[in-house]
């Protein structure tokens, strides 16, 4: 864990604010639903830095406010006699521990303590926190989770992988740009150098399109969501996950696929 003085800077975004901005780009998504998905991603470890990079300061993508002890306060802060917080970079393990210490996690506290501080049982707490709706968390926990800061570059890449639309604030972030489908994606280094327009289509799209047509011909009444799911599963048999569009992205292009 290392201190971050720039958690409120322009390169970071509070999860609650991120959820509001992302939901504003999708008519079928509410801010509460998006925040729930981000909470799940946090406790599933989707935003954690790779293990090999965790010993390097500045490599964690998440920041959370921690109450600092009096010995670390300035004279003015001690004189004010108020709780003083600073943002520190953390992974999901430390975030769960910080929220637990503030009484912000749902469930029986004795069992939570056992799960959090026993490495052999730590996976239990993450399964519990991922599955428990944010609305069932204590008010303190809901506030702390909404206030977690995340790297804008990291969440932009996450949106691309999961097929969510990127709001304007997350477009054109250095080596991140908005694709034609409305999701953020990393610009290949060759494109950054040459400033070329457009980008290659994901390899999995060809299989997705072909399989959707086959499925539709076999069952014209099959719902779009089922078509998208089954076509994506077929593509995953032949391509890496990062080379296959998400179900949300496939759904957004379903009419285009079926009309061609």
C-alpha atoms as a PDB file:
ATOM      1  CA  UNK A   1       0.000   0.000   0.000  1.00  0.00           C
ATOM      2  CA  UNK A   2       1.394   3.389  -0.943  1.00  0.00           C
ATOM      3  CA  UNK A   3       0.091   6.902  -0.515  1.00  0.00           C
ATOM      4  CA  UNK A   4      -1.413   8.709  -3.476  1.00  0.00           C
ATOM      5  CA  UNK A   5      -1.735  12.461  -3.325  1.00  0.00           C
ATOM      6  CA  UNK A   6      -3.284  12.545  -6.783  1.00  0.00           C
ATOM      7  CA  UNK A   7      -6.352  10.380  -6.157  1.00  0.00           C
ATOM      8  CA  UNK A   8      -8.630  13.318  -6.832  1.00  0.00           C
ATOM      9  CA  UNK A   9      -6.670  14.418  -9.898  1.00  0.00           C
ATOM     10  CA  UNK A  10      -8.025  14.303 -13.439  1.00  0.00           C
ATOM     11  CA  UNK A  11      -6.509  10.864 -14.114  1.00  0.00           C
ATOM     12  CA  UNK A  12      -8.799   9.253 -11.519  1.00  0.00           C
ATOM     13  CA  UNK A  13     -12.561   8.947 -11.247  1.00  0.00           C
ATOM     14  CA  UNK A  14     -14.797   7.985  -8.310  1.00  0.00           C
ATOM     15  CA  UNK A  15     -16.711   4.751  -8.974  1.00  0.00           C
ATOM     16  CA  UNK A  16     -20.061   6.416  -8.273  1.00  0.00           C
ATOM     17  CA  UNK A  17     -19.321   9.195 -10.760  1.00  0.00           C
ATOM     18  CA  UNK A  18     -18.032   6.690 -13.306  1.00  0.00           C
ATOM     19  CA  UNK A  19     -21.264   4.703 -12.977  1.00  0.00           C
ATOM     20  CA  UNK A  20     -23.354   7.837 -13.570  1.00  0.00           C
ATOM     21  CA  UNK A  21     -21.362   8.801 -16.669  1.00  0.00           C
ATOM     22  CA  UNK A  22     -21.399   5.313 -18.193  1.00  0.00           C
ATOM     23  CA  UNK A  23     -25.141   4.908 -17.553  1.00  0.00           C
ATOM     24  CA  UNK A  24     -25.801   8.252 -19.244  1.00  0.00           C
ATOM     25  CA  UNK A  25     -24.479   6.692 -22.475  1.00  0.00           C
ATOM     26  CA  UNK A  26     -26.769   3.632 -22.326  1.00  0.00           C
ATOM     27  CA  UNK A  27     -30.568   3.968 -22.308  1.00  0.00           C
ATOM     28  CA  UNK A  28     -30.968   0.468 -20.846  1.00  0.00           C
ATOM     29  CA  UNK A  29     -28.599   0.955 -17.919  1.00  0.00           C
ATOM     30  CA  UNK A  30     -29.086   2.844 -14.637  1.00  0.00           C
ATOM     31  CA  UNK A  31     -26.327   4.363 -12.512  1.00  0.00           C
ATOM     32  CA  UNK A  32     -27.177   1.957  -9.663  1.00  0.00           C
ATOM     33  CA  UNK A  33     -26.887  -1.056 -11.970  1.00  0.00           C
ATOM     34  CA  UNK A  34     -23.537   0.164 -13.268  1.00  0.00           C
ATOM     35  CA  UNK A  35     -22.209   0.819  -9.766  1.00  0.00           C
ATOM     36  CA  UNK A  36     -23.269  -2.710  -8.798  1.00  0.00           C
ATOM     37  CA  UNK A  37     -21.288  -4.077 -11.747  1.00  0.00           C
ATOM     38  CA  UNK A  38     -18.243  -1.992 -10.790  1.00  0.00           C
ATOM     39  CA  UNK A  39     -18.496  -3.217  -7.198  1.00  0.00           C
ATOM     40  CA  UNK A  40     -18.502  -6.797  -8.456  1.00  0.00           C
ATOM     41  CA  UNK A  41     -15.464  -6.076 -10.612  1.00  0.00           C
ATOM     42  CA  UNK A  42     -13.578  -4.620  -7.639  1.00  0.00           C
ATOM     43  CA  UNK A  43     -14.138  -7.674  -5.439  1.00  0.00           C
ATOM     44  CA  UNK A  44     -13.569 -10.119  -8.307  1.00  0.00           C
ATOM     45  CA  UNK A  45     -10.113  -8.554  -8.698  1.00  0.00           C
ATOM     46  CA  UNK A  46     -10.786  -7.310 -12.235  1.00  0.00           C
ATOM     47  CA  UNK A  47      -9.139  -3.967 -11.433  1.00  0.00           C
ATOM     48  CA  UNK A  48      -6.156  -5.347  -9.506  1.00  0.00           C
ATOM     49  CA  UNK A  49      -2.719  -4.856 -11.007  1.00  0.00           C
ATOM     50  CA  UNK A  50      -0.920  -8.034 -12.171  1.00  0.00           C
ATOM     51  CA  UNK A  51       0.811  -9.794  -9.282  1.00  0.00           C
ATOM     52  CA  UNK A  52       4.271  -9.136 -10.777  1.00  0.00           C
ATOM     53  CA  UNK A  53       3.654  -5.370 -10.627  1.00  0.00           C
ATOM     54  CA  UNK A  54       2.140  -5.026  -7.161  1.00  0.00           C
ATOM     55  CA  UNK A  55       5.441  -4.324  -5.445  1.00  0.00           C
ATOM     56  CA  UNK A  56       6.000  -1.272  -7.638  1.00  0.00           C
ATOM     57  CA  UNK A  57       4.493   2.009  -6.351  1.00  0.00           C
ATOM     58  CA  UNK A  58       1.838   3.516  -8.589  1.00  0.00           C
ATOM     59  CA  UNK A  59       0.898   0.216 -10.264  1.00  0.00           C
ATOM     60  CA  UNK A  60      -2.434  -0.367  -8.483  1.00  0.00           C
ATOM     61  CA  UNK A  61      -5.404   1.065 -10.361  1.00  0.00           C
ATOM     62  CA  UNK A  62      -7.631   1.645  -7.319  1.00  0.00           C
ATOM     63  CA  UNK A  63      -7.389   4.219  -4.510  1.00  0.00           C
ATOM     64  CA  UNK A  64      -9.419   4.341  -1.310  1.00  0.00           C
ATOM     65  CA  UNK A  65      -9.588   6.921   1.472  1.00  0.00           C
ATOM     66  CA  UNK A  66      -7.977   5.768   4.730  1.00  0.00           C
ATOM     67  CA  UNK A  67      -8.199   7.552   8.089  1.00  0.00           C
ATOM     68  CA  UNK A  68      -4.645   8.435   9.061  1.00  0.00           C
ATOM     69  CA  UNK A  69      -3.318   8.234  12.651  1.00  0.00           C
ATOM     70  CA  UNK A  70      -2.586  11.425  14.580  1.00  0.00           C
ATOM     71  CA  UNK A  71       1.154  10.827  14.373  1.00  0.00           C
ATOM     72  CA  UNK A  72       0.953  11.338  10.599  1.00  0.00           C
ATOM     73  CA  UNK A  73      -1.201  14.470  10.752  1.00  0.00           C
ATOM     74  CA  UNK A  74       0.103  17.985  10.325  1.00  0.00           C
ATOM     75  CA  UNK A  75      -0.109  20.366  13.271  1.00  0.00           C
ATOM     76  CA  UNK A  76      -3.106  22.089  11.700  1.00  0.00           C
ATOM     77  CA  UNK A  77      -4.889  18.762  11.143  1.00  0.00           C
ATOM     78  CA  UNK A  78      -4.329  17.746  14.763  1.00  0.00           C
ATOM     79  CA  UNK A  79      -5.568  21.125  15.973  1.00  0.00           C
ATOM     80  CA  UNK A  80      -8.815  20.739  14.026  1.00  0.00           C
ATOM     81  CA  UNK A  81      -9.522  17.455  15.863  1.00  0.00           C
ATOM     82  CA  UNK A  82     -11.291  15.892  12.898  1.00  0.00           C
ATOM     83  CA  UNK A  83     -10.890  12.620  11.033  1.00  0.00           C
ATOM     84  CA  UNK A  84      -8.339  13.129   8.297  1.00  0.00           C
ATOM     85  CA  UNK A  85      -8.201  10.788   5.308  1.00  0.00           C
ATOM     86  CA  UNK A  86      -5.714  10.279   2.535  1.00  0.00           C
ATOM     87  CA  UNK A  87      -5.995   8.137  -0.563  1.00  0.00           C
ATOM     88  CA  UNK A  88      -3.818   5.046  -0.841  1.00  0.00           C
ATOM     89  CA  UNK A  89      -3.411   2.677  -3.754  1.00  0.00           C
ATOM     90  CA  UNK A  90      -4.708  -0.801  -2.936  1.00  0.00           C
ATOM     91  CA  UNK A  91      -5.902  -4.084  -4.366  1.00  0.00           C
ATOM     92  CA  UNK A  92      -9.145  -5.819  -3.436  1.00  0.00           C
ATOM     93  CA  UNK A  93      -7.653  -7.489  -0.335  1.00  0.00           C
ATOM     94  CA  UNK A  94      -6.722  -4.191   1.296  1.00  0.00           C
ATOM     95  CA  UNK A  95      -9.923  -2.466   0.153  1.00  0.00           C
ATOM     96  CA  UNK A  96     -12.055  -5.160   1.813  1.00  0.00           C
ATOM     97  CA  UNK A  97      -9.991  -4.828   4.997  1.00  0.00           C
ATOM     98  CA  UNK A  98     -10.334  -1.027   5.112  1.00  0.00           C
ATOM     99  CA  UNK A  99     -14.103  -1.143   4.588  1.00  0.00           C
ATOM    100  CA  UNK A 100     -14.419  -3.920   7.186  1.00  0.00           C
ATOM    101  CA  UNK A 101     -12.545  -1.838   9.774  1.00  0.00           C
ATOM    102  CA  UNK A 102     -15.068   0.970   9.225  1.00  0.00           C
ATOM    103  CA  UNK A 103     -18.009  -1.411   9.723  1.00  0.00           C
ATOM    104  CA  UNK A 104     -18.990  -1.154   6.083  1.00  0.00           C
ATOM    105  CA  UNK A 105     -19.262  -4.826   5.050  1.00  0.00           C
ATOM    106  CA  UNK A 106     -22.511  -6.813   5.208  1.00  0.00           C
ATOM    107  CA  UNK A 107     -22.828  -9.963   7.289  1.00  0.00           C
ATOM    108  CA  UNK A 108     -21.779 -11.335  10.669  1.00  0.00           C
ATOM    109  CA  UNK A 109     -18.704  -9.395  11.750  1.00  0.00           C
ATOM    110  CA  UNK A 110     -16.962 -12.281  13.527  1.00  0.00           C
ATOM    111  CA  UNK A 111     -17.151 -14.470  10.436  1.00  0.00           C
ATOM    112  CA  UNK A 112     -16.029 -11.586   8.218  1.00  0.00           C
ATOM    113  CA  UNK A 113     -13.011 -11.032  10.488  1.00  0.00           C
ATOM    114  CA  UNK A 114     -12.101 -14.714  10.193  1.00  0.00           C
ATOM    115  CA  UNK A 115     -12.454 -14.685   6.409  1.00  0.00           C
ATOM    116  CA  UNK A 116     -10.518 -11.454   5.837  1.00  0.00           C
ATOM    117  CA  UNK A 117      -7.538 -12.218   8.059  1.00  0.00           C
ATOM    118  CA  UNK A 118      -7.172 -15.913   7.259  1.00  0.00           C
ATOM    119  CA  UNK A 119      -5.521 -16.242   3.822  1.00  0.00           C
ATOM    120  CA  UNK A 120      -6.896 -19.757   3.458  1.00  0.00           C
ATOM    121  CA  UNK A 121     -10.471 -18.458   3.676  1.00  0.00           C
ATOM    122  CA  UNK A 122     -10.086 -15.075   1.993  1.00  0.00           C
ATOM    123  CA  UNK A 123     -11.787 -16.239  -1.188  1.00  0.00           C
ATOM    124  CA  UNK A 124     -14.970 -16.722   0.855  1.00  0.00           C
ATOM    125  CA  UNK A 125     -15.240 -13.035   1.647  1.00  0.00           C
ATOM    126  CA  UNK A 126     -14.810 -12.072  -2.010  1.00  0.00           C
ATOM    127  CA  UNK A 127     -17.482 -14.545  -3.101  1.00  0.00           C
ATOM    128  CA  UNK A 128     -19.743 -13.058  -0.423  1.00  0.00           C
ATOM    129  CA  UNK A 129     -19.047  -9.421  -1.351  1.00  0.00           C
ATOM    130  CA  UNK A 130     -19.430 -10.079  -5.067  1.00  0.00           C
ATOM    131  CA  UNK A 131     -22.767 -11.844  -4.634  1.00  0.00           C
ATOM    132  CA  UNK A 132     -24.266  -9.460  -2.046  1.00  0.00           C
ATOM    133  CA  UNK A 133     -26.127  -6.533  -3.673  1.00  0.00           C
ATOM    134  CA  UNK A 134     -24.653  -3.137  -2.859  1.00  0.00           C
ATOM    135  CA  UNK A 135     -28.046  -2.118  -1.477  1.00  0.00           C
ATOM    136  CA  UNK A 136     -27.530  -4.683   1.321  1.00  0.00           C
ATOM    137  CA  UNK A 137     -24.217  -3.134   2.405  1.00  0.00           C
ATOM    138  CA  UNK A 138     -24.258  -0.790   5.429  1.00  0.00           C
ATOM    139  CA  UNK A 139     -24.507   2.889   4.482  1.00  0.00           C
ATOM    140  CA  UNK A 140     -20.824   3.367   5.345  1.00  0.00           C
ATOM    141  CA  UNK A 141     -19.816   0.609   2.940  1.00  0.00           C
ATOM    142  CA  UNK A 142     -21.978   1.968   0.117  1.00  0.00           C
ATOM    143  CA  UNK A 143     -20.423   5.404   0.573  1.00  0.00           C
ATOM    144  CA  UNK A 144     -16.860   4.076   0.692  1.00  0.00           C
ATOM    145  CA  UNK A 145     -17.311   1.900  -2.389  1.00  0.00           C
ATOM    146  CA  UNK A 146     -18.853   4.767  -4.349  1.00  0.00           C
ATOM    147  CA  UNK A 147     -15.910   6.946  -3.357  1.00  0.00           C
ATOM    148  CA  UNK A 148     -13.199   4.487  -4.490  1.00  0.00           C
ATOM    149  CA  UNK A 149     -11.053   6.149  -7.161  1.00  0.00           C
ATOM    150  CA  UNK A 150     -10.068   4.262 -10.282  1.00  0.00           C
ATOM    151  CA  UNK A 151      -7.552   5.059 -12.991  1.00  0.00           C
ATOM    152  CA  UNK A 152      -9.414   6.494 -15.974  1.00  0.00           C
ATOM    153  CA  UNK A 153      -7.154   4.599 -18.367  1.00  0.00           C
ATOM    154  CA  UNK A 154      -7.851   1.314 -16.556  1.00  0.00           C
ATOM    155  CA  UNK A 155     -11.631   1.704 -16.535  1.00  0.00           C
ATOM    156  CA  UNK A 156     -11.603   2.715 -20.206  1.00  0.00           C
ATOM    157  CA  UNK A 157      -9.882  -0.566 -21.084  1.00  0.00           C
ATOM    158  CA  UNK A 158     -12.309  -2.473 -18.841  1.00  0.00           C
ATOM    159  CA  UNK A 159     -15.270  -0.886 -20.637  1.00  0.00           C
ATOM    160  CA  UNK A 160     -13.855  -2.059 -23.971  1.00  0.00           C
ATOM    161  CA  UNK A 161     -13.446  -5.649 -22.801  1.00  0.00           C
ATOM    162  CA  UNK A 162     -16.963  -5.753 -21.335  1.00  0.00           C
ATOM    163  CA  UNK A 163     -18.734  -3.932 -24.144  1.00  0.00           C
ATOM    164  CA  UNK A 164     -19.952  -0.869 -22.235  1.00  0.00           C
ATOM    165  CA  UNK A 165     -20.122   2.562 -23.913  1.00  0.00           C
ATOM    166  CA  UNK A 166     -17.406   5.034 -22.898  1.00  0.00           C
ATOM    167  CA  UNK A 167     -18.550   8.507 -21.808  1.00  0.00           C
ATOM    168  CA  UNK A 168     -16.745  11.553 -23.273  1.00  0.00           C
ATOM    169  CA  UNK A 169     -14.441  11.920 -20.247  1.00  0.00           C
ATOM    170  CA  UNK A 170     -13.013   8.451 -20.974  1.00  0.00           C
ATOM    171  CA  UNK A 171     -12.402   8.985 -24.678  1.00  0.00           C
ATOM    172  CA  UNK A 172      -8.998   9.778 -26.197  1.00  0.00           C
ATOM    173  CA  UNK A 173      -7.012   9.007 -23.028  1.00  0.00           C
ATOM    174  CA  UNK A 174      -3.479   8.891 -24.373  1.00  0.00           C
ATOM    175  CA  UNK A 175      -3.353   5.421 -25.940  1.00  0.00           C
ATOM    176  CA  UNK A 176      -7.112   4.938 -25.486  1.00  0.00           C
ATOM    177  CA  UNK A 177      -9.714   6.017 -28.016  1.00  0.00           C
ATOM    178  CA  UNK A 178     -13.373   5.439 -28.809  1.00  0.00           C
ATOM    179  CA  UNK A 179     -14.212   2.827 -31.411  1.00  0.00           C
ATOM    180  CA  UNK A 180     -17.008   2.976 -33.928  1.00  0.00           C
ATOM    181  CA  UNK A 181     -19.094   0.750 -31.639  1.00  0.00           C
ATOM    182  CA  UNK A 182     -18.988   3.255 -28.782  1.00  0.00           C
ATOM    183  CA  UNK A 183     -16.572   1.377 -26.512  1.00  0.00           C
ATOM    184  CA  UNK A 184     -13.067   2.428 -25.545  1.00  0.00           C
ATOM    185  CA  UNK A 185     -10.200   0.367 -26.898  1.00  0.00           C
ATOM    186  CA  UNK A 186      -6.431   0.470 -26.736  1.00  0.00           C
ATOM    187  CA  UNK A 187      -4.829   1.875 -29.880  1.00  0.00           C
ATOM    188  CA  UNK A 188      -2.155  -0.474 -31.281  1.00  0.00           C
ATOM    189  CA  UNK A 189       1.328   1.022 -31.165  1.00  0.00           C
ATOM    190  CA  UNK A 190       1.608   1.046 -34.970  1.00  0.00           C
ATOM    191  CA  UNK A 191      -1.565   3.106 -35.230  1.00  0.00           C
ATOM    192  CA  UNK A 192      -0.325   5.541 -32.589  1.00  0.00           C
ATOM    193  CA  UNK A 193       2.848   6.085 -34.614  1.00  0.00           C
ATOM    194  CA  UNK A 194       1.224   6.390 -38.023  1.00  0.00           C
ATOM    195  CA  UNK A 195      -1.965   8.177 -36.880  1.00  0.00           C
ATOM    196  CA  UNK A 196      -3.947   5.882 -39.141  1.00  0.00           C
ATOM    197  CA  UNK A 197      -7.723   6.125 -39.212  1.00  0.00           C
ATOM    198  CA  UNK A 198      -9.909   3.225 -38.049  1.00  0.00           C
ATOM    199  CA  UNK A 199      -8.837  -0.126 -36.604  1.00  0.00           C
ATOM    200  CA  UNK A 200      -8.969  -3.790 -37.609  1.00  0.00           C
ATOM    201  CA  UNK A 201     -12.135  -5.671 -36.701  1.00  0.00           C
ATOM    202  CA  UNK A 202     -11.863  -8.234 -33.921  1.00  0.00           C
ATOM    203  CA  UNK A 203     -11.116 -11.679 -35.444  1.00  0.00           C
ATOM    204  CA  UNK A 204     -14.119 -13.198 -33.686  1.00  0.00           C
ATOM    205  CA  UNK A 205     -16.639 -11.004 -35.515  1.00  0.00           C
ATOM    206  CA  UNK A 206     -16.644 -13.166 -38.655  1.00  0.00           C
ATOM    207  CA  UNK A 207     -17.612 -16.273 -36.668  1.00  0.00           C
ATOM    208  CA  UNK A 208     -20.219 -14.326 -34.686  1.00  0.00           C
ATOM    209  CA  UNK A 209     -21.915 -13.010 -37.814  1.00  0.00           C
ATOM    210  CA  UNK A 210     -21.919 -16.370 -39.583  1.00  0.00           C
ATOM    211  CA  UNK A 211     -23.280 -18.221 -36.553  1.00  0.00           C
ATOM    212  CA  UNK A 212     -26.034 -15.666 -35.955  1.00  0.00           C
ATOM    213  CA  UNK A 213     -27.264 -16.148 -39.521  1.00  0.00           C
ATOM    214  CA  UNK A 214     -27.213 -19.954 -39.112  1.00  0.00           C
ATOM    215  CA  UNK A 215     -29.097 -19.764 -35.789  1.00  0.00           C
ATOM    216  CA  UNK A 216     -31.643 -17.301 -37.164  1.00  0.00           C
ATOM    217  CA  UNK A 217     -32.342 -19.480 -40.208  1.00  0.00           C
ATOM    218  CA  UNK A 218     -32.881 -22.489 -37.950  1.00  0.00           C
ATOM    219  CA  UNK A 219     -35.159 -20.618 -35.520  1.00  0.00           C
ATOM    220  CA  UNK A 220     -36.486 -17.235 -36.689  1.00  0.00           C
ATOM    221  CA  UNK A 221     -38.180 -16.684 -33.293  1.00  0.00           C
ATOM    222  CA  UNK A 222     -35.015 -17.063 -31.221  1.00  0.00           C
ATOM    223  CA  UNK A 223     -34.503 -13.906 -29.041  1.00  0.00           C
ATOM    224  CA  UNK A 224     -31.648 -11.557 -29.894  1.00  0.00           C
ATOM    225  CA  UNK A 225     -30.019 -12.063 -26.494  1.00  0.00           C
ATOM    226  CA  UNK A 226     -29.898 -15.833 -27.011  1.00  0.00           C
ATOM    227  CA  UNK A 227     -28.500 -15.339 -30.523  1.00  0.00           C
ATOM    228  CA  UNK A 228     -25.772 -13.075 -29.163  1.00  0.00           C
ATOM    229  CA  UNK A 229     -24.865 -15.469 -26.355  1.00  0.00           C
ATOM    230  CA  UNK A 230     -24.728 -18.599 -28.515  1.00  0.00           C
ATOM    231  CA  UNK A 231     -22.815 -16.859 -31.305  1.00  0.00           C
ATOM    232  CA  UNK A 232     -20.249 -15.525 -28.846  1.00  0.00           C
ATOM    233  CA  UNK A 233     -19.799 -18.966 -27.277  1.00  0.00           C
ATOM    234  CA  UNK A 234     -19.169 -20.398 -30.753  1.00  0.00           C
ATOM    235  CA  UNK A 235     -16.547 -17.709 -31.450  1.00  0.00           C
ATOM    236  CA  UNK A 236     -14.824 -18.436 -28.124  1.00  0.00           C
ATOM    237  CA  UNK A 237     -14.215 -22.008 -29.300  1.00  0.00           C
ATOM    238  CA  UNK A 238     -11.926 -20.644 -32.004  1.00  0.00           C
ATOM    239  CA  UNK A 239     -10.591 -17.304 -30.658  1.00  0.00           C
ATOM    240  CA  UNK A 240      -9.129 -15.823 -27.502  1.00  0.00           C
ATOM    241  CA  UNK A 241     -11.611 -13.895 -25.366  1.00  0.00           C
ATOM    242  CA  UNK A 242      -9.997 -10.542 -26.171  1.00  0.00           C
ATOM    243  CA  UNK A 243     -10.547 -11.270 -29.877  1.00  0.00           C
ATOM    244  CA  UNK A 244     -14.299 -11.781 -29.441  1.00  0.00           C
ATOM    245  CA  UNK A 245     -16.822  -8.938 -28.991  1.00  0.00           C
ATOM    246  CA  UNK A 246     -18.932  -8.882 -25.831  1.00  0.00           C
ATOM    247  CA  UNK A 247     -22.605  -9.879 -25.837  1.00  0.00           C
ATOM    248  CA  UNK A 248     -23.628  -6.248 -25.308  1.00  0.00           C
ATOM    249  CA  UNK A 249     -21.646  -5.178 -28.366  1.00  0.00           C
ATOM    250  CA  UNK A 250     -23.123  -8.002 -30.453  1.00  0.00           C
ATOM    251  CA  UNK A 251     -26.629  -7.025 -29.360  1.00  0.00           C
ATOM    252  CA  UNK A 252     -26.052  -3.421 -30.404  1.00  0.00           C
ATOM    253  CA  UNK A 253     -25.147  -4.603 -33.925  1.00  0.00           C
ATOM    254  CA  UNK A 254     -27.715  -7.400 -34.189  1.00  0.00           C
ATOM    255  CA  UNK A 255     -30.078  -5.596 -36.589  1.00  0.00           C
ATOM    256  CA  UNK A 256     -27.148  -4.619 -38.787  1.00  0.00           C
ATOM    257  CA  UNK A 257     -25.963  -8.241 -38.916  1.00  0.00           C
ATOM    258  CA  UNK A 258     -29.403  -9.634 -39.744  1.00  0.00           C
ATOM    259  CA  UNK A 259     -30.147  -6.986 -42.363  1.00  0.00           C
ATOM    260  CA  UNK A 260     -26.966  -7.638 -44.350  1.00  0.00           C
END
